[in-house]
Every structure is written in structure tokens, then in C-alpha cells.
Amino acid sequence: MTNQQLTLVKQSWTLLREVDPAILGDVFYGRLFFNYPNLRPLFKGPMDRQYQKFIDMLSILVARLDRPYAVEQEISQLGQSHAQYGIKPEHYEPVKDALLWTLERGLGNDWNDDVRQGWIACYDRLTRAMLGRENNL
């Protein structure tokens, strides 16, 4: 992940933090479950809590992307908890698709190919770390 990509991810996430987490979560999970209904059973409990947890964790990770040592433990724990919930490596790609789609809708005119490539690099980096395939973010 380049410094420019890091900056674009942080700037775009700052814009999206102005959106109600319930709306972002609803759009994200709506897209995920519409395109991948087989993933719905993996998400138990009230979805409003899931929305908030997703937004909060993404906020923490994005805020600390330039300090990977500050999130190593959170990412490792997140990967372990996902595995305990039955989330498999092949489930990460559908989540990426839904996330990129949501970001594009949320950012509107602020979305472009550079921002997209930044988010892809960010997501892929975090996914590798969560799956234990990368020691250093």
C-alpha cells in the first residue's frame, strides 16, 4: 500500500464517517446478502449492532493504517473471531465486493479509480493479516 493510497483511504473514510452508521451498514449488508445470500446465516443477532461493530472496527483500522504495530493484535483477534464464527477465506472476496460498492455509493463524486485502488490495497492488506498470511501490515 503506497503513501498516496493510505492518504486517499483516510480522506475518503473521513467523508464517510459523516454518514449514519445504520445507513452505511444497511447499504453494505443489503448488498452483501443480496449478492451472496449464503452468507446471511453467518451473521447472527441484531443487525444494528453488527452495523455499528463493522463501522467502528473499520474506523479503528483506517485510523491506524500508518501505524501497523498499533493494530496487529486487533487484526489477529478479528481474524480468529471470524474463523470461530465460521467465516472462511473465500468469504472475504464477497465482503470486499460489497464494501467497494458501498464506498462508491457513499462517496459519489469523490469516488475515482485512485480511491478504489487505495481501498483494494487496504482491504487486501488487512485480509492477509487477518488470515495470518502477513506478519507486518
Foldseek 3Di string as FASTA:
>chain_A
DDPLLLVLQLVLLVLLVVDDLVVLQCQLVVQLCVVCVVCVVLDDDDSVVVSVVVSVVVVVCSVCVVPQVVCLVVLQVVLVVCVVSVNDLVSLVSSLVSNLVSSCVSRPVSDDPSNSVSSVVSSVVSSCSSPVNDNTD
